[in-house]
Amino acid sequence: MLFGALLINSQKQSRSLVLLFAFQGCVCAFNLLEGLGFSSYLITPAFTLLYGPMIYFFTLSITGKQPFKTSHYAVHLIPAVISLAFTHYTQAIILLGSLSQLGYFYFAYGILKRYHKQLMHARSDAESLKLKWLIKALFIFAIIVVFDLLRMNVQPITPLDLKMHWYLLNEILLLLMFSFLLFHTIKNSFQFEPVTLSEESAAEQTDSADEQLAQQIFSTIDGLIINESLYRQPRLSLNDLANQTGLGSKEISWAINSTTGNNFCEYINQHRVNDVKREIEQDSPQKLSLIELAFQAGFNSKSTFNAVFKKETGLTPSQFKKQTQKN
């Protein structure tokens, strides 16, 4: 874990995870001291009010919504600091901390949903950039929180052996979750690209914009994409088209959305599917495999290709190929 933390410490959007690791280390240390009787005053209940903010700011940081700054945590530390004076009400503090964590997880989930929406409006490789692993982690964290809350509430009537084993299981689950976060943070850091808020609102202009102008812009963009086979670029983005045409990214997104009813990623993927379909129907002598045709058309993963192709045609690529050959 320490080696992994050193790897991501140089990445600005991942430093909040390093802080989360350090925080968990402090929690373990204080738990040990209190368990051995070295500390007569309880501190660890107040830590339950800090897990939520840590996960929330990690989510903000990894999506590029907010640069990591220690000052951003100040206001979120206040409840934990205040609770230090009332830790003798252990169960009440733990309950508040657990509810706080669930609340922060909910807001973090909302950030991820908005981020995914932005990606779909801004990039043709949005499906491969979605942070689905982080959504899974939030749900599992929420389950661990509820599980730990139950453990804390039955401690007074729990035998010592069961209490120790239950605590150990909880710590193992947390360790596995932190390892999961570390693995995916390192894995996805090389393809990470933040999406600006302006791109998110680009498709919201359709009501007040001129339909004819939208069709003119779309005709220009569509012709360029088809003639130059730009959809075959796996990482094509709105900014790439804006640089080539001189139009604004918001204008392009609006024109595509109002004319086709699809976001940018869906629109580009339609061209890619049509490209694969043409190649299959032409029965090219090159005899490329389906996955080779997919990569040639601009898809960058087999799973995305299969999912998009079935969504567009109602058939899997292999089913479409068999049906075409039969006809």
C-alpha atoms as a PDB file:
ATOM      1  CA  MET A   1       0.000   0.000   0.000  1.00  0.00           C
ATOM      2  CA  LEU A   2       2.837   2.366   0.866  1.00  0.00           C
ATOM      3  CA  PHE A   3       4.543   1.706  -2.480  1.00  0.00           C
ATOM      4  CA  GLY A   4       1.267   2.310  -4.315  1.00  0.00           C
ATOM      5  CA  ALA A   5       0.698   5.551  -2.431  1.00  0.00           C
ATOM      6  CA  LEU A   6       4.138   6.758  -3.495  1.00  0.00           C
ATOM      7  CA  LEU A   7       3.270   5.934  -7.131  1.00  0.00           C
ATOM      8  CA  ILE A   8       0.129   8.078  -7.167  1.00  0.00           C
ATOM      9  CA  ASN A   9       1.426  10.892  -4.954  1.00  0.00           C
ATOM     10  CA  SER A  10       2.890  12.651  -7.999  1.00  0.00           C
ATOM     11  CA  GLN A  11      -0.534  12.717  -9.685  1.00  0.00           C
ATOM     12  CA  LYS A  12      -2.480  15.767  -8.612  1.00  0.00           C
ATOM     13  CA  GLN A  13      -5.923  14.183  -8.939  1.00  0.00           C
ATOM     14  CA  SER A  14      -4.910  11.159  -6.835  1.00  0.00           C
ATOM     15  CA  ARG A  15      -3.315  12.796  -3.803  1.00  0.00           C
ATOM     16  CA  SER A  16      -6.553  12.727  -1.819  1.00  0.00           C
ATOM     17  CA  LEU A  17      -6.321   8.911  -1.884  1.00  0.00           C
ATOM     18  CA  VAL A  18      -2.871   9.153  -0.269  1.00  0.00           C
ATOM     19  CA  LEU A  19      -4.459  11.277   2.449  1.00  0.00           C
ATOM     20  CA  LEU A  20      -7.171   8.637   2.867  1.00  0.00           C
ATOM     21  CA  PHE A  21      -4.482   5.969   3.354  1.00  0.00           C
ATOM     22  CA  ALA A  22      -2.726   8.126   5.964  1.00  0.00           C
ATOM     23  CA  PHE A  23      -6.026   8.718   7.746  1.00  0.00           C
ATOM     24  CA  GLN A  24      -6.790   4.991   7.899  1.00  0.00           C
ATOM     25  CA  GLY A  25      -3.325   4.407   9.324  1.00  0.00           C
ATOM     26  CA  CYS A  26      -4.063   6.912  12.113  1.00  0.00           C
ATOM     27  CA  VAL A  27      -7.408   5.239  12.821  1.00  0.00           C
ATOM     28  CA  CYS A  28      -5.706   1.844  13.182  1.00  0.00           C
ATOM     29  CA  ALA A  29      -3.019   3.311  15.456  1.00  0.00           C
ATOM     30  CA  PHE A  30      -5.524   4.995  17.785  1.00  0.00           C
ATOM     31  CA  ASN A  31      -7.700   1.877  17.844  1.00  0.00           C
ATOM     32  CA  LEU A  32      -4.674  -0.137  18.938  1.00  0.00           C
ATOM     33  CA  LEU A  33      -3.718   2.376  21.643  1.00  0.00           C
ATOM     34  CA  GLU A  34      -7.259   2.503  22.999  1.00  0.00           C
ATOM     35  CA  GLY A  35      -7.581  -1.279  22.883  1.00  0.00           C
ATOM     36  CA  LEU A  36      -4.341  -1.722  24.860  1.00  0.00           C
ATOM     37  CA  GLY A  37      -5.409   0.870  27.411  1.00  0.00           C
ATOM     38  CA  PHE A  38      -2.728   3.460  26.595  1.00  0.00           C
ATOM     39  CA  SER A  39      -5.375   6.131  26.005  1.00  0.00           C
ATOM     40  CA  SER A  40      -7.985   6.855  28.663  1.00  0.00           C
ATOM     41  CA  TYR A  41      -9.938   9.243  26.447  1.00  0.00           C
ATOM     42  CA  LEU A  42     -11.779   7.946  23.372  1.00  0.00           C
ATOM     43  CA  ILE A  43     -10.833   9.612  20.102  1.00  0.00           C
ATOM     44  CA  THR A  44     -11.730   7.041  17.457  1.00  0.00           C
ATOM     45  CA  PRO A  45     -15.530   7.669  17.481  1.00  0.00           C
ATOM     46  CA  ALA A  46     -14.840  11.153  16.060  1.00  0.00           C
ATOM     47  CA  PHE A  47     -13.015   9.567  13.121  1.00  0.00           C
ATOM     48  CA  THR A  48     -16.306   8.183  11.806  1.00  0.00           C
ATOM     49  CA  LEU A  49     -17.200  11.775  10.860  1.00  0.00           C
ATOM     50  CA  LEU A  50     -14.135  12.002   8.594  1.00  0.00           C
ATOM     51  CA  TYR A  51     -14.504   8.953   6.340  1.00  0.00           C
ATOM     52  CA  GLY A  52     -17.306  10.553   4.318  1.00  0.00           C
ATOM     53  CA  PRO A  53     -15.436  13.786   3.507  1.00  0.00           C
ATOM     54  CA  MET A  54     -12.340  11.779   2.566  1.00  0.00           C
ATOM     55  CA  ILE A  55     -14.243   9.679   0.005  1.00  0.00           C
ATOM     56  CA  TYR A  56     -16.162  12.734  -1.234  1.00  0.00           C
ATOM     57  CA  PHE A  57     -13.014  14.765  -1.888  1.00  0.00           C
ATOM     58  CA  PHE A  58     -11.322  11.791  -3.514  1.00  0.00           C
ATOM     59  CA  THR A  59     -14.259  11.610  -5.928  1.00  0.00           C
ATOM     60  CA  LEU A  60     -14.020  15.350  -6.636  1.00  0.00           C
ATOM     61  CA  SER A  61     -10.303  15.056  -7.197  1.00  0.00           C
ATOM     62  CA  ILE A  62     -10.346  11.987  -9.467  1.00  0.00           C
ATOM     63  CA  THR A  63     -13.020  13.545 -11.716  1.00  0.00           C
ATOM     64  CA  GLY A  64     -11.096  16.815 -11.997  1.00  0.00           C
ATOM     65  CA  LYS A  65     -13.912  18.850 -10.471  1.00  0.00           C
ATOM     66  CA  GLN A  66     -11.748  20.465  -7.880  1.00  0.00           C
ATOM     67  CA  PRO A  67      -7.973  20.560  -7.440  1.00  0.00           C
ATOM     68  CA  PHE A  68      -6.741  18.973  -4.246  1.00  0.00           C
ATOM     69  CA  LYS A  69      -6.082  21.583  -1.561  1.00  0.00           C
ATOM     70  CA  THR A  70      -5.861  20.997   2.172  1.00  0.00           C
ATOM     71  CA  SER A  71      -7.901  24.165   2.829  1.00  0.00           C
ATOM     72  CA  HIS A  72     -10.931  22.564   1.146  1.00  0.00           C
ATOM     73  CA  TYR A  73     -11.204  20.116   4.040  1.00  0.00           C
ATOM     74  CA  ALA A  74     -11.442  22.786   6.759  1.00  0.00           C
ATOM     75  CA  VAL A  75     -15.217  23.116   6.938  1.00  0.00           C
ATOM     76  CA  HIS A  76     -15.684  19.337   6.761  1.00  0.00           C
ATOM     77  CA  LEU A  77     -13.418  18.850   9.776  1.00  0.00           C
ATOM     78  CA  ILE A  78     -15.617  20.946  12.072  1.00  0.00           C
ATOM     79  CA  PRO A  79     -18.148  18.211  13.032  1.00  0.00           C
ATOM     80  CA  ALA A  80     -15.319  15.802  13.874  1.00  0.00           C
ATOM     81  CA  VAL A  81     -13.503  18.417  15.973  1.00  0.00           C
ATOM     82  CA  ILE A  82     -16.674  19.304  17.879  1.00  0.00           C
ATOM     83  CA  SER A  83     -17.458  15.634  18.464  1.00  0.00           C
ATOM     84  CA  LEU A  84     -14.130  15.186  20.296  1.00  0.00           C
ATOM     85  CA  ALA A  85     -15.735  16.868  23.326  1.00  0.00           C
ATOM     86  CA  PHE A  86     -18.607  14.380  23.320  1.00  0.00           C
ATOM     87  CA  THR A  87     -16.965  11.038  22.557  1.00  0.00           C
ATOM     88  CA  HIS A  88     -18.274   9.674  25.860  1.00  0.00           C
ATOM     89  CA  TYR A  89     -21.570   9.477  23.950  1.00  0.00           C
ATOM     90  CA  THR A  90     -19.910   6.848  21.806  1.00  0.00           C
ATOM     91  CA  GLN A  91     -22.965   5.256  20.196  1.00  0.00           C
ATOM     92  CA  ALA A  92     -24.493   8.624  19.294  1.00  0.00           C
ATOM     93  CA  ILE A  93     -21.273   9.833  17.662  1.00  0.00           C
ATOM     94  CA  ILE A  94     -20.917   6.563  15.729  1.00  0.00           C
ATOM     95  CA  LEU A  95     -24.515   6.826  14.521  1.00  0.00           C
ATOM     96  CA  LEU A  96     -23.976  10.414  13.360  1.00  0.00           C
ATOM     97  CA  GLY A  97     -20.719   9.396  11.694  1.00  0.00           C
ATOM     98  CA  SER A  98     -22.350   6.513   9.845  1.00  0.00           C
ATOM     99  CA  LEU A  99     -25.215   8.713   8.609  1.00  0.00           C
ATOM    100  CA  SER A 100     -22.648  11.326   7.572  1.00  0.00           C
ATOM    101  CA  GLN A 101     -20.726   8.743   5.552  1.00  0.00           C
ATOM    102  CA  LEU A 102     -23.842   7.564   3.743  1.00  0.00           C
ATOM    103  CA  GLY A 103     -24.734  11.181   2.951  1.00  0.00           C
ATOM    104  CA  TYR A 104     -21.282  11.920   1.547  1.00  0.00           C
ATOM    105  CA  PHE A 105     -21.386   8.706  -0.500  1.00  0.00           C
ATOM    106  CA  TYR A 106     -24.694   9.833  -1.993  1.00  0.00           C
ATOM    107  CA  PHE A 107     -23.236  13.204  -3.032  1.00  0.00           C
ATOM    108  CA  ALA A 108     -20.128  11.486  -4.425  1.00  0.00           C
ATOM    109  CA  TYR A 109     -22.389   9.228  -6.498  1.00  0.00           C
ATOM    110  CA  GLY A 110     -24.130  12.334  -7.875  1.00  0.00           C
ATOM    111  CA  ILE A 111     -20.763  13.790  -8.905  1.00  0.00           C
ATOM    112  CA  LEU A 112     -19.893  10.591 -10.774  1.00  0.00           C
ATOM    113  CA  LYS A 113     -23.238  10.549 -12.607  1.00  0.00           C
ATOM    114  CA  ARG A 114     -22.738  14.152 -13.780  1.00  0.00           C
ATOM    115  CA  TYR A 115     -19.159  13.356 -14.779  1.00  0.00           C
ATOM    116  CA  HIS A 116     -20.317  10.424 -16.923  1.00  0.00           C
ATOM    117  CA  LYS A 117     -22.897  12.659 -18.583  1.00  0.00           C
ATOM    118  CA  GLN A 118     -20.186  15.200 -19.387  1.00  0.00           C
ATOM    119  CA  LEU A 119     -17.997  12.488 -20.887  1.00  0.00           C
ATOM    120  CA  MET A 120     -20.785  11.336 -23.205  1.00  0.00           C
ATOM    121  CA  HIS A 121     -21.201  14.896 -24.506  1.00  0.00           C
ATOM    122  CA  ALA A 122     -17.476  15.521 -24.897  1.00  0.00           C
ATOM    123  CA  ARG A 123     -15.600  12.384 -25.961  1.00  0.00           C
ATOM    124  CA  SER A 124     -16.058   9.494 -28.374  1.00  0.00           C
ATOM    125  CA  ASP A 125     -14.254   7.123 -25.977  1.00  0.00           C
ATOM    126  CA  ALA A 126     -16.496   8.040 -23.058  1.00  0.00           C
ATOM    127  CA  GLU A 127     -17.529   4.455 -22.315  1.00  0.00           C
ATOM    128  CA  SER A 128     -13.951   3.399 -21.601  1.00  0.00           C
ATOM    129  CA  LEU A 129     -13.306   6.464 -19.417  1.00  0.00           C
ATOM    130  CA  LYS A 130     -16.310   6.051 -17.126  1.00  0.00           C
ATOM    131  CA  LEU A 131     -15.408   5.507 -13.482  1.00  0.00           C
ATOM    132  CA  LYS A 132     -17.773   2.573 -12.985  1.00  0.00           C
ATOM    133  CA  TRP A 133     -15.261   0.992 -10.608  1.00  0.00           C
ATOM    134  CA  LEU A 134     -15.610   3.979  -8.253  1.00  0.00           C
ATOM    135  CA  ILE A 135     -19.416   3.675  -8.248  1.00  0.00           C
ATOM    136  CA  LYS A 136     -19.012   0.016  -7.273  1.00  0.00           C
ATOM    137  CA  ALA A 137     -16.588   1.042  -4.531  1.00  0.00           C
ATOM    138  CA  LEU A 138     -19.078   3.585  -3.122  1.00  0.00           C
ATOM    139  CA  PHE A 139     -21.823   0.977  -2.885  1.00  0.00           C
ATOM    140  CA  ILE A 140     -19.504  -1.529  -1.212  1.00  0.00           C
ATOM    141  CA  PHE A 141     -18.270   1.158   1.196  1.00  0.00           C
ATOM    142  CA  ALA A 142     -21.903   1.915   2.088  1.00  0.00           C
ATOM    143  CA  ILE A 143     -22.464  -1.785   2.884  1.00  0.00           C
ATOM    144  CA  ILE A 144     -19.320  -1.825   5.062  1.00  0.00           C
ATOM    145  CA  VAL A 145     -20.560   1.282   6.907  1.00  0.00           C
ATOM    146  CA  VAL A 146     -23.899  -0.351   7.730  1.00  0.00           C
ATOM    147  CA  PHE A 147     -22.095  -3.561   8.717  1.00  0.00           C
ATOM    148  CA  ASP A 148     -19.736  -1.620  11.015  1.00  0.00           C
ATOM    149  CA  LEU A 149     -22.593   0.363  12.542  1.00  0.00           C
ATOM    150  CA  LEU A 150     -24.225  -2.924  13.512  1.00  0.00           C
ATOM    151  CA  ARG A 151     -20.932  -4.108  15.004  1.00  0.00           C
ATOM    152  CA  MET A 152     -20.567  -0.942  17.090  1.00  0.00           C
ATOM    153  CA  ASN A 153     -24.111  -1.135  18.452  1.00  0.00           C
ATOM    154  CA  VAL A 154     -23.913  -4.753  19.606  1.00  0.00           C
ATOM    155  CA  GLN A 155     -20.437  -4.395  21.154  1.00  0.00           C
ATOM    156  CA  PRO A 156     -21.745  -4.155  24.746  1.00  0.00           C
ATOM    157  CA  ILE A 157     -23.378  -7.594  24.464  1.00  0.00           C
ATOM    158  CA  THR A 158     -20.808  -9.215  22.174  1.00  0.00           C
ATOM    159  CA  PRO A 159     -18.327 -11.763  23.603  1.00  0.00           C
ATOM    160  CA  LEU A 160     -14.724 -10.576  23.504  1.00  0.00           C
ATOM    161  CA  ASP A 161     -13.575 -13.214  21.004  1.00  0.00           C
ATOM    162  CA  LEU A 162     -16.398 -12.434  18.588  1.00  0.00           C
ATOM    163  CA  LYS A 163     -15.801  -8.725  19.057  1.00  0.00           C
ATOM    164  CA  MET A 164     -12.124  -9.066  18.121  1.00  0.00           C
ATOM    165  CA  HIS A 165     -12.810 -11.263  15.101  1.00  0.00           C
ATOM    166  CA  TRP A 166     -15.585  -8.953  13.902  1.00  0.00           C
ATOM    167  CA  TYR A 167     -13.291  -5.934  14.150  1.00  0.00           C
ATOM    168  CA  LEU A 168     -10.551  -7.822  12.292  1.00  0.00           C
ATOM    169  CA  LEU A 169     -12.998  -8.719   9.507  1.00  0.00           C
ATOM    170  CA  ASN A 170     -14.041  -5.085   9.198  1.00  0.00           C
ATOM    171  CA  GLU A 171     -10.420  -3.958   8.900  1.00  0.00           C
ATOM    172  CA  ILE A 172      -9.722  -6.624   6.266  1.00  0.00           C
ATOM    173  CA  LEU A 173     -12.720  -5.426   4.234  1.00  0.00           C
ATOM    174  CA  LEU A 174     -11.470  -1.834   4.440  1.00  0.00           C
ATOM    175  CA  LEU A 175      -7.974  -2.929   3.417  1.00  0.00           C
ATOM    176  CA  LEU A 176      -9.399  -4.755   0.395  1.00  0.00           C
ATOM    177  CA  MET A 177     -11.444  -1.693  -0.570  1.00  0.00           C
ATOM    178  CA  PHE A 178      -8.454   0.629  -0.302  1.00  0.00           C
ATOM    179  CA  SER A 179      -6.421  -1.826  -2.393  1.00  0.00           C
ATOM    180  CA  PHE A 180      -9.242  -1.827  -4.959  1.00  0.00           C
ATOM    181  CA  LEU A 181      -9.198   1.991  -5.093  1.00  0.00           C
ATOM    182  CA  LEU A 182      -5.411   2.065  -5.374  1.00  0.00           C
ATOM    183  CA  PHE A 183      -5.341  -0.512  -8.177  1.00  0.00           C
ATOM    184  CA  HIS A 184      -7.933   1.282 -10.300  1.00  0.00           C
ATOM    185  CA  THR A 185      -6.467   4.721  -9.614  1.00  0.00           C
ATOM    186  CA  ILE A 186      -3.077   3.565 -10.917  1.00  0.00           C
ATOM    187  CA  LYS A 187      -4.672   1.652 -13.798  1.00  0.00           C
ATOM    188  CA  ASN A 188      -6.803   4.577 -14.984  1.00  0.00           C
ATOM    189  CA  SER A 189      -4.435   7.456 -14.267  1.00  0.00           C
ATOM    190  CA  PHE A 190      -2.742   7.134 -17.671  1.00  0.00           C
ATOM    191  CA  GLN A 191      -5.992   7.626 -19.595  1.00  0.00           C
ATOM    192  CA  PHE A 192      -7.518  10.171 -17.244  1.00  0.00           C
ATOM    193  CA  GLU A 193      -8.653  13.450 -18.757  1.00  0.00           C
ATOM    194  CA  PRO A 194     -10.824  16.009 -16.915  1.00  0.00           C
ATOM    195  CA  VAL A 195     -13.995  17.293 -18.569  1.00  0.00           C
ATOM    196  CA  THR A 196     -14.966  20.932 -18.228  1.00  0.00           C
ATOM    197  CA  LEU A 197     -18.372  22.045 -16.997  1.00  0.00           C
ATOM    198  CA  SER A 198     -18.996  24.007 -20.199  1.00  0.00           C
ATOM    199  CA  GLU A 199     -19.126  20.738 -22.125  1.00  0.00           C
ATOM    200  CA  GLU A 200     -21.796  19.395 -19.783  1.00  0.00           C
ATOM    201  CA  SER A 201     -24.214  22.223 -20.534  1.00  0.00           C
ATOM    202  CA  ALA A 202     -23.546  22.267 -24.262  1.00  0.00           C
ATOM    203  CA  ALA A 203     -26.625  20.231 -25.121  1.00  0.00           C
ATOM    204  CA  GLU A 204     -28.978  22.358 -23.014  1.00  0.00           C
ATOM    205  CA  GLN A 205     -29.339  25.138 -25.586  1.00  0.00           C
ATOM    206  CA  THR A 206     -31.691  23.301 -27.934  1.00  0.00           C
ATOM    207  CA  ASP A 207     -34.894  25.073 -26.875  1.00  0.00           C
ATOM    208  CA  SER A 208     -33.775  28.620 -27.686  1.00  0.00           C
ATOM    209  CA  ALA A 209     -31.462  27.924 -30.654  1.00  0.00           C
ATOM    210  CA  ASP A 210     -32.337  28.225 -34.332  1.00  0.00           C
ATOM    211  CA  GLU A 211     -33.070  24.772 -35.816  1.00  0.00           C
ATOM    212  CA  GLN A 212     -31.864  25.716 -39.278  1.00  0.00           C
ATOM    213  CA  LEU A 213     -28.529  26.928 -37.941  1.00  0.00           C
ATOM    214  CA  ALA A 214     -28.149  23.672 -36.020  1.00  0.00           C
ATOM    215  CA  GLN A 215     -28.739  21.659 -39.197  1.00  0.00           C
ATOM    216  CA  GLN A 216     -26.194  23.752 -41.114  1.00  0.00           C
ATOM    217  CA  ILE A 217     -23.542  23.252 -38.453  1.00  0.00           C
ATOM    218  CA  PHE A 218     -24.344  19.555 -38.229  1.00  0.00           C
ATOM    219  CA  SER A 219     -24.144  19.141 -42.012  1.00  0.00           C
ATOM    220  CA  THR A 220     -20.654  20.658 -41.977  1.00  0.00           C
ATOM    221  CA  ILE A 221     -19.504  18.521 -39.048  1.00  0.00           C
ATOM    222  CA  ASP A 222     -21.092  15.319 -40.356  1.00  0.00           C
ATOM    223  CA  GLY A 223     -19.537  15.771 -43.794  1.00  0.00           C
ATOM    224  CA  LEU A 224     -16.099  16.334 -42.283  1.00  0.00           C
ATOM    225  CA  ILE A 225     -16.375  13.278 -40.020  1.00  0.00           C
ATOM    226  CA  ILE A 226     -17.508  11.010 -42.873  1.00  0.00           C
ATOM    227  CA  ASN A 227     -15.168  12.307 -45.590  1.00  0.00           C
ATOM    228  CA  GLU A 228     -12.113  12.280 -43.348  1.00  0.00           C
ATOM    229  CA  SER A 229     -13.193   9.117 -41.461  1.00  0.00           C
ATOM    230  CA  LEU A 230     -12.554  11.006 -38.234  1.00  0.00           C
ATOM    231  CA  TYR A 231     -14.741   8.551 -36.306  1.00  0.00           C
ATOM    232  CA  ARG A 232     -11.915   6.051 -36.718  1.00  0.00           C
ATOM    233  CA  GLN A 233      -9.851   8.038 -34.222  1.00  0.00           C
ATOM    234  CA  PRO A 234     -10.367   6.160 -30.916  1.00  0.00           C
ATOM    235  CA  ARG A 235      -9.961   9.282 -28.749  1.00  0.00           C
ATOM    236  CA  LEU A 236     -11.798  11.815 -30.901  1.00  0.00           C
ATOM    237  CA  SER A 237     -13.223  14.666 -28.807  1.00  0.00           C
ATOM    238  CA  LEU A 238     -15.328  17.781 -29.253  1.00  0.00           C
ATOM    239  CA  ASN A 239     -12.207  19.873 -28.811  1.00  0.00           C
ATOM    240  CA  ASP A 240     -10.554  18.058 -31.742  1.00  0.00           C
ATOM    241  CA  LEU A 241     -13.472  18.982 -34.006  1.00  0.00           C
ATOM    242  CA  ALA A 242     -13.521  22.524 -32.678  1.00  0.00           C
ATOM    243  CA  ASN A 243      -9.840  22.938 -33.520  1.00  0.00           C
ATOM    244  CA  GLN A 244     -10.367  21.615 -37.051  1.00  0.00           C
ATOM    245  CA  THR A 245     -13.491  23.642 -37.859  1.00  0.00           C
ATOM    246  CA  GLY A 246     -13.030  26.830 -35.887  1.00  0.00           C
ATOM    247  CA  LEU A 247     -16.425  26.300 -34.265  1.00  0.00           C
ATOM    248  CA  GLY A 248     -16.952  26.220 -30.518  1.00  0.00           C
ATOM    249  CA  SER A 249     -17.278  22.860 -28.771  1.00  0.00           C
ATOM    250  CA  LYS A 250     -20.618  23.963 -27.294  1.00  0.00           C
ATOM    251  CA  GLU A 251     -21.942  24.800 -30.762  1.00  0.00           C
ATOM    252  CA  ILE A 252     -20.897  21.419 -32.134  1.00  0.00           C
ATOM    253  CA  SER A 253     -22.415  19.528 -29.221  1.00  0.00           C
ATOM    254  CA  TRP A 254     -25.652  21.502 -29.502  1.00  0.00           C
ATOM    255  CA  ALA A 255     -25.900  20.929 -33.274  1.00  0.00           C
ATOM    256  CA  ILE A 256     -25.345  17.175 -32.931  1.00  0.00           C
ATOM    257  CA  ASN A 257     -27.761  16.831 -30.033  1.00  0.00           C
ATOM    258  CA  SER A 258     -30.575  18.899 -31.562  1.00  0.00           C
ATOM    259  CA  THR A 259     -30.264  17.308 -35.022  1.00  0.00           C
ATOM    260  CA  THR A 260     -29.727  13.647 -34.127  1.00  0.00           C
ATOM    261  CA  GLY A 261     -31.130  13.471 -30.602  1.00  0.00           C
ATOM    262  CA  ASN A 262     -27.898  11.810 -29.485  1.00  0.00           C
ATOM    263  CA  ASN A 263     -24.913  13.015 -27.517  1.00  0.00           C
ATOM    264  CA  PHE A 264     -21.468  13.213 -29.124  1.00  0.00           C
ATOM    265  CA  CYS A 265     -20.316   9.744 -28.034  1.00  0.00           C
ATOM    266  CA  GLU A 266     -23.507   8.040 -29.267  1.00  0.00           C
ATOM    267  CA  TYR A 267     -23.316   9.910 -32.575  1.00  0.00           C
ATOM    268  CA  ILE A 268     -19.695   8.893 -33.246  1.00  0.00           C
ATOM    269  CA  ASN A 269     -20.389   5.301 -32.225  1.00  0.00           C
ATOM    270  CA  GLN A 270     -23.233   5.150 -34.761  1.00  0.00           C
ATOM    271  CA  HIS A 271     -20.733   5.988 -37.505  1.00  0.00           C
ATOM    272  CA  ARG A 272     -18.398   3.295 -36.183  1.00  0.00           C
ATOM    273  CA  VAL A 273     -21.142   0.671 -36.155  1.00  0.00           C
ATOM    274  CA  ASN A 274     -22.138   1.633 -39.702  1.00  0.00           C
ATOM    275  CA  ASP A 275     -18.500   1.305 -40.760  1.00  0.00           C
ATOM    276  CA  VAL A 276     -18.297  -2.224 -39.326  1.00  0.00           C
ATOM    277  CA  LYS A 277     -21.622  -3.167 -40.934  1.00  0.00           C
ATOM    278  CA  ARG A 278     -20.394  -1.975 -44.349  1.00  0.00           C
ATOM    279  CA  GLU A 279     -17.218  -4.007 -44.018  1.00  0.00           C
ATOM    280  CA  ILE A 280     -19.190  -7.128 -43.064  1.00  0.00           C
ATOM    281  CA  GLU A 281     -21.698  -6.666 -45.895  1.00  0.00           C
ATOM    282  CA  GLN A 282     -18.954  -6.077 -48.480  1.00  0.00           C
ATOM    283  CA  ASP A 283     -17.302  -9.359 -47.466  1.00  0.00           C
ATOM    284  CA  SER A 284     -13.862  -7.852 -48.007  1.00  0.00           C
ATOM    285  CA  PRO A 285     -11.158 -10.262 -49.263  1.00  0.00           C
ATOM    286  CA  GLN A 286      -8.975  -9.107 -46.362  1.00  0.00           C
ATOM    287  CA  LYS A 287     -11.140 -11.332 -44.119  1.00  0.00           C
ATOM    288  CA  LEU A 288     -10.533  -9.281 -40.983  1.00  0.00           C
ATOM    289  CA  SER A 289     -11.965 -10.600 -37.747  1.00  0.00           C
ATOM    290  CA  LEU A 290     -14.818  -8.754 -36.050  1.00  0.00           C
ATOM    291  CA  ILE A 291     -12.563  -7.330 -33.367  1.00  0.00           C
ATOM    292  CA  GLU A 292     -10.099  -6.136 -36.015  1.00  0.00           C
ATOM    293  CA  LEU A 293     -12.981  -4.429 -37.837  1.00  0.00           C
ATOM    294  CA  ALA A 294     -14.041  -2.853 -34.551  1.00  0.00           C
ATOM    295  CA  PHE A 295     -10.594  -1.419 -33.821  1.00  0.00           C
ATOM    296  CA  GLN A 296     -10.307  -0.255 -37.424  1.00  0.00           C
ATOM    297  CA  ALA A 297     -13.618   1.607 -37.031  1.00  0.00           C
ATOM    298  CA  GLY A 298     -12.414   3.416 -33.905  1.00  0.00           C
ATOM    299  CA  PHE A 299     -13.618   1.288 -30.992  1.00  0.00           C
ATOM    300  CA  ASN A 300     -10.966   0.789 -28.339  1.00  0.00           C
ATOM    301  CA  SER A 301     -12.410  -2.176 -26.435  1.00  0.00           C
ATOM    302  CA  LYS A 302     -14.245  -5.385 -27.284  1.00  0.00           C
ATOM    303  CA  SER A 303     -16.856  -4.923 -24.548  1.00  0.00           C
ATOM    304  CA  THR A 304     -17.769  -1.415 -25.708  1.00  0.00           C
ATOM    305  CA  PHE A 305     -17.968  -2.585 -29.321  1.00  0.00           C
ATOM    306  CA  ASN A 306     -20.282  -5.487 -28.490  1.00  0.00           C
ATOM    307  CA  ALA A 307     -22.544  -3.374 -26.272  1.00  0.00           C
ATOM    308  CA  VAL A 308     -22.835  -0.475 -28.737  1.00  0.00           C
ATOM    309  CA  PHE A 309     -23.306  -2.736 -31.757  1.00  0.00           C
ATOM    310  CA  LYS A 310     -26.160  -4.650 -30.111  1.00  0.00           C
ATOM    311  CA  LYS A 311     -27.778  -1.411 -28.951  1.00  0.00           C
ATOM    312  CA  GLU A 312     -27.713  -0.022 -32.503  1.00  0.00           C
ATOM    313  CA  THR A 313     -28.690  -3.168 -34.445  1.00  0.00           C
ATOM    314  CA  GLY A 314     -30.446  -5.399 -31.934  1.00  0.00           C
ATOM    315  CA  LEU A 315     -27.914  -8.130 -32.772  1.00  0.00           C
ATOM    316  CA  THR A 316     -24.469  -9.033 -31.549  1.00  0.00           C
ATOM    317  CA  PRO A 317     -21.680  -8.559 -34.127  1.00  0.00           C
ATOM    318  CA  SER A 318     -21.410 -12.327 -34.687  1.00  0.00           C
ATOM    319  CA  GLN A 319     -25.197 -12.658 -35.092  1.00  0.00           C
ATOM    320  CA  PHE A 320     -25.218  -9.805 -37.617  1.00  0.00           C
ATOM    321  CA  LYS A 321     -22.357 -11.403 -39.547  1.00  0.00           C
ATOM    322  CA  LYS A 322     -24.102 -14.814 -39.686  1.00  0.00           C
ATOM    323  CA  GLN A 323     -27.353 -13.201 -40.781  1.00  0.00           C
ATOM    324  CA  THR A 324     -25.565 -11.201 -43.493  1.00  0.00           C
ATOM    325  CA  GLN A 325     -23.736 -14.267 -44.820  1.00  0.00           C
ATOM    326  CA  LYS A 326     -26.986 -16.260 -44.820  1.00  0.00           C
ATOM    327  CA  ASN A 327     -28.807 -13.568 -46.816  1.00  0.00           C
END
